[in-house]
Protein backbone atom coordinates (compact mmCIF):
# COMPACT_ATOMS: atom_id res chain seq x y z
CA MET A 1 95.16 102.30 168.58
CA ASN A 2 97.23 100.20 166.16
CA LYS A 3 94.08 98.38 165.05
CA SER A 4 92.42 101.69 164.12
CA ILE A 5 95.44 102.75 162.12
CA LYS A 6 95.37 99.47 160.18
CA ILE A 7 91.67 99.88 159.37
CA VAL A 8 92.18 103.46 158.15
CA SER A 9 95.16 102.37 156.06
CA LEU A 10 93.16 99.58 154.44
CA LEU A 11 90.32 101.97 153.63
CA PHE A 12 92.77 104.39 152.03
CA VAL A 13 94.25 101.63 149.87
CA PHE A 14 90.77 100.42 148.86
CA ILE A 15 89.62 103.95 147.96
CA SER A 16 92.84 104.52 146.00
CA PHE A 17 92.24 101.28 144.08
CA LEU A 18 88.70 102.37 143.20
CA ALA A 19 89.96 105.76 142.05
CA CYS A 20 92.57 104.16 139.79
CA ASP A 21 89.97 101.78 138.37
CA SER A 22 87.64 104.71 137.71
CA ASP A 23 90.41 106.64 135.93
CA ASP A 24 91.20 103.60 133.78
CA ASN A 25 87.52 103.30 132.80
CA THR A 26 87.39 107.01 131.95
CA ILE A 27 90.45 106.69 129.74
CA GLU A 28 88.98 103.63 128.05
CA ASN A 29 85.56 105.24 127.58
CA ASN A 30 87.14 108.37 126.09
CA LYS A 31 89.35 106.48 123.66
CA LEU A 32 89.91 108.33 120.40
CA SER A 33 88.81 106.57 117.23
CA ALA A 34 88.55 107.74 113.62
CA GLY A 35 85.91 106.48 111.20
CA TYR A 36 83.42 107.45 108.53
CA THR A 37 80.68 106.24 106.21
CA PHE A 38 79.56 107.89 102.97
CA VAL A 39 76.49 108.46 100.81
CA ARG A 40 76.46 108.75 97.01
CA GLU A 41 74.47 111.78 95.88
CA ALA A 42 72.48 112.13 92.65
CA SER A 43 75.03 114.51 91.11
CA PRO A 44 77.75 112.54 89.25
CA GLY A 45 80.83 111.91 91.39
CA MET A 46 79.39 113.65 94.46
CA ILE A 47 79.93 111.94 97.83
CA THR A 48 78.78 113.08 101.29
CA PHE A 49 81.14 111.80 103.98
CA ILE A 50 79.60 111.14 107.41
CA ASN A 51 82.16 111.38 110.21
CA THR A 52 81.75 108.67 112.88
CA SER A 53 84.91 109.51 114.86
CA GLU A 54 84.68 109.43 118.67
CA ASN A 55 86.32 111.80 121.15
CA ALA A 56 87.87 113.93 118.42
CA ASP A 57 87.86 117.71 117.99
CA SER A 58 89.55 118.30 114.64
CA TYR A 59 89.70 116.44 111.36
CA GLU A 60 91.78 116.24 108.22
CA TRP A 61 90.57 114.46 105.10
CA ASN A 62 92.73 113.29 102.22
CA PHE A 63 90.53 112.30 99.30
CA GLY A 64 93.21 110.48 97.33
CA ASP A 65 93.05 112.86 94.36
CA GLY A 66 95.34 115.56 95.70
CA THR A 67 92.61 117.46 97.56
CA THR A 68 91.95 117.75 101.32
CA SER A 69 89.39 119.15 103.75
CA MET A 70 89.25 120.15 107.43
CA LEU A 71 85.45 119.95 107.66
CA LYS A 72 83.82 117.42 109.92
CA ASN A 73 81.39 116.12 107.28
CA PRO A 74 82.64 117.25 103.87
CA VAL A 75 80.82 116.92 100.55
CA LYS A 76 83.28 115.99 97.80
CA THR A 77 82.78 115.89 94.03
CA PHE A 78 85.20 113.64 92.18
CA THR A 79 85.67 114.53 88.52
CA GLN A 80 87.29 111.35 87.21
CA THR A 81 86.32 107.68 87.24
CA GLY A 82 88.60 105.63 89.49
CA GLU A 83 89.34 103.99 92.83
CA TYR A 84 90.20 106.54 95.54
CA THR A 85 91.71 105.78 98.95
CA VAL A 86 90.10 108.32 101.29
CA THR A 87 91.90 108.82 104.62
CA LEU A 88 90.50 110.59 107.67
CA THR A 89 92.85 111.70 110.47
CA SER A 90 91.01 112.64 113.66
CA GLU A 91 92.63 114.42 116.63
CA ASN A 92 91.77 115.06 120.25
CA ASN A 93 93.04 118.60 120.78
CA GLN A 94 93.20 118.20 124.55
CA THR A 95 95.43 115.14 124.58
CA GLY A 96 97.11 115.56 121.19
CA ALA A 97 96.24 111.97 120.31
CA THR A 98 95.45 111.14 116.67
CA ASP A 99 93.88 108.20 114.86
CA THR A 100 93.40 107.46 111.16
CA PHE A 101 90.87 105.52 109.12
CA SER A 102 91.03 104.73 105.40
CA SER A 103 88.77 103.02 102.90
CA THR A 104 88.46 102.80 99.12
CA VAL A 105 85.70 104.71 97.33
CA SER A 106 84.81 103.61 93.79
CA ILE A 107 83.78 106.48 91.52
CA PHE A 108 82.18 106.37 88.08
CA VAL A 109 81.76 109.71 86.33
CA PHE A 110 80.05 109.44 82.97
CA GLN A 111 81.80 111.45 80.25
CA GLY A 112 80.00 111.57 76.92
CA GLY A 113 82.61 113.37 74.85
CA LEU A 114 80.74 115.15 72.04
CA VAL A 115 77.42 113.91 73.43
CA THR A 116 75.37 115.91 75.92
CA ASN A 117 73.32 113.90 78.43
CA GLY A 118 74.36 110.59 76.92
CA ASN A 119 73.30 108.75 80.09
CA PHE A 120 69.82 110.37 80.13
CA GLU A 121 70.27 111.39 83.77
CA SER A 122 69.37 115.02 82.96
CA GLY A 123 66.09 114.28 81.22
CA THR A 124 65.27 114.06 77.53
CA ALA A 125 67.09 117.05 75.99
CA PRO A 126 68.83 117.32 73.60
CA TRP A 127 67.64 113.94 72.33
CA THR A 128 64.88 113.95 69.70
CA PHE A 129 62.43 111.42 68.34
CA GLY A 130 62.21 111.35 64.57
CA VAL A 131 64.87 114.11 64.22
CA VAL A 132 62.57 117.04 65.08
CA ASN A 133 60.28 115.90 67.91
CA ALA A 134 61.22 116.01 71.57
CA ILE A 135 61.07 112.54 73.10
CA ALA A 136 58.39 111.97 75.72
CA PRO A 137 59.53 111.70 79.34
CA SER A 138 57.66 108.38 79.46
CA LEU A 139 60.38 106.93 77.21
CA LEU A 140 62.89 107.27 80.05
CA VAL A 141 63.00 104.49 82.64
CA THR A 142 64.69 104.77 86.02
CA GLU A 143 65.73 101.59 87.84
CA ASN A 144 68.00 101.34 90.88
CA GLY A 145 69.02 104.96 90.44
CA ASN A 146 69.93 104.58 86.75
CA THR A 147 67.97 106.20 83.92
CA TYR A 148 67.91 104.94 80.32
CA PHE A 149 65.90 105.30 77.09
CA SER A 150 63.37 102.55 76.42
CA ILE A 151 60.83 102.12 73.63
CA ASN A 152 58.64 99.23 72.53
CA VAL A 153 58.38 98.83 68.74
CA ALA A 154 55.01 97.16 68.19
CA ALA A 155 55.07 96.95 64.36
CA ALA A 156 57.99 96.55 61.97
CA GLY A 157 58.45 98.99 59.09
CA ASN A 158 61.25 101.22 57.83
CA PRO A 159 64.25 101.47 60.16
CA PHE A 160 63.87 105.26 60.37
CA ASP A 161 60.18 105.04 61.33
CA VAL A 162 61.33 104.76 64.96
CA ASN A 163 64.35 106.98 65.40
CA LEU A 164 66.31 108.38 68.33
CA SER A 165 68.70 111.21 67.42
CA HIS A 166 71.16 113.55 69.09
CA LYS A 167 71.69 116.65 66.90
CA GLY A 168 74.00 119.65 67.15
CA ILE A 169 77.34 117.83 66.91
CA THR A 170 80.14 119.22 64.73
CA MET A 171 81.72 116.54 62.54
CA THR A 172 84.32 116.78 59.79
CA GLN A 173 84.59 114.68 56.64
CA GLY A 174 87.40 112.13 56.83
CA LYS A 175 87.57 112.19 60.64
CA THR A 176 86.99 108.96 62.58
CA TYR A 177 84.46 109.00 65.41
CA ARG A 178 84.07 106.30 68.03
CA LEU A 179 80.46 105.74 69.07
CA THR A 180 79.89 103.71 72.24
CA PHE A 181 76.65 102.80 73.97
CA ASP A 182 74.90 100.16 76.08
CA ALA A 183 71.88 98.41 74.59
CA TRP A 184 69.62 95.42 75.14
CA SER A 185 66.17 94.19 74.14
CA ASP A 186 63.44 91.79 75.24
CA VAL A 187 63.94 89.80 71.99
CA ASN A 188 66.78 89.10 69.59
CA ARG A 189 66.58 91.82 66.95
CA THR A 190 68.62 94.45 65.07
CA MET A 191 68.85 98.23 64.88
CA VAL A 192 70.71 100.67 62.66
CA VAL A 193 73.34 102.79 64.42
CA GLY A 194 75.63 105.55 63.17
CA ILE A 195 76.24 109.22 62.41
CA GLY A 196 74.77 111.47 59.76
CA LEU A 197 73.24 114.75 58.66
CA SER A 198 70.12 116.13 60.33
CA ASN A 199 68.57 117.28 57.05
CA ASP A 200 68.49 116.59 53.33
CA PRO A 201 70.40 114.82 51.72
CA TRP A 202 70.61 112.77 54.98
CA THR A 203 74.17 111.60 54.23
CA ASN A 204 75.28 109.11 56.87
CA GLN A 205 77.60 106.33 57.96
CA VAL A 206 75.70 103.54 59.71
CA VAL A 207 75.98 99.87 60.63
CA THR A 208 73.39 97.27 61.57
CA GLN A 209 73.84 96.08 65.13
CA ASN A 210 72.49 92.85 66.63
CA LEU A 211 70.73 93.17 69.99
CA THR A 212 69.91 90.37 72.40
CA THR A 213 68.19 90.11 75.75
CA ALA A 214 71.62 90.43 77.40
CA PHE A 215 73.01 93.83 78.37
CA GLN A 216 75.86 94.66 75.95
CA ASN A 217 78.36 97.48 75.52
CA PHE A 218 79.03 98.43 71.89
CA SER A 219 81.94 100.36 70.36
CA ILE A 220 81.80 101.36 66.69
CA ASP A 221 84.35 103.41 64.70
CA LEU A 222 82.80 105.49 61.91
CA VAL A 223 84.48 107.72 59.30
CA ALA A 224 82.37 110.82 58.56
CA ASN A 225 81.53 111.26 54.87
CA PHE A 226 80.25 114.80 55.42
CA THR A 227 81.18 118.05 57.18
CA ASN A 228 78.47 119.69 59.27
CA ASN A 229 78.04 121.56 62.55
CA ASN A 230 74.55 120.12 63.11
CA ALA A 231 75.31 116.44 62.55
CA ARG A 232 73.64 113.77 64.63
CA ILE A 233 73.93 110.35 66.19
CA ILE A 234 71.43 107.90 64.71
CA PHE A 235 69.54 105.02 66.32
CA ASP A 236 66.99 103.63 63.81
CA MET A 237 64.84 100.96 65.48
CA GLY A 238 61.75 100.62 63.28
CA ALA A 239 62.67 97.56 61.21
CA ALA A 240 61.90 94.95 63.88
CA ILE A 241 59.49 94.51 66.77
CA GLY A 242 60.55 94.38 70.41
CA ARG A 243 61.62 96.72 73.19
CA VAL A 244 64.91 98.56 72.70
CA ASN A 245 66.84 99.98 75.65
CA ILE A 246 69.75 102.42 75.18
CA ASP A 247 72.08 103.99 77.73
CA ASN A 248 75.50 105.64 78.22
CA VAL A 249 75.97 106.99 74.69
CA THR A 250 79.36 108.59 73.96
CA LEU A 251 80.98 109.95 70.83
CA ASN A 252 84.65 110.92 70.57
CA GLU A 253 86.79 112.05 67.67
CA LEU A 254 89.81 109.80 67.34
CA PRO A 255 93.30 111.24 66.69
């Protein structure tokens, strides 16, 4: 009789041990964890966040710019260039447990100032070729998700024979305007850059800029010698042969 009791007792202990082990595995397998990845969309500053949290029921996002979201997979549009620490707090509503995950998201939002579509991401308008002609879509090149203007000048002539312009900008005589842009070529050559009128007498303020095969960022301060509400940015490229590439054009009036 005592032997039977011992066997039953041992079985009970063994079964209890298995049950505890099973509970521990369940707890481990259901461990709460917060996490996410993200995808950059075509629209400037737009990020789609993909929630990879496990065993969570509710979520709170802090995007690092003063805004939040309770959505599982939010789409966020940042409006300013910068480094943002994005924090996700995930919660298991049944247990009340929470976990957080943070990472840094780098944002670049192009801002052209007085220029519209200065990064050519929205197509060709309002840029013109030779002041009055719309530029051909073939003059835009897209590489690695970035679009820029590109033209090959096969024969040298007058600088204005090959011209890229952006009209419709209001400028005031005596005001200083800062023109910035990225440019490079397949040869060492020059081009004329500046601001001016879009019609006769073609008054302008321009400089001659040296281009090389290296990607360069240029910043030029120009004082307007005219007042006009249809002034333009000028890129005259006809005086030398070689391919000219232009991107990220901005124009801002300085205080």
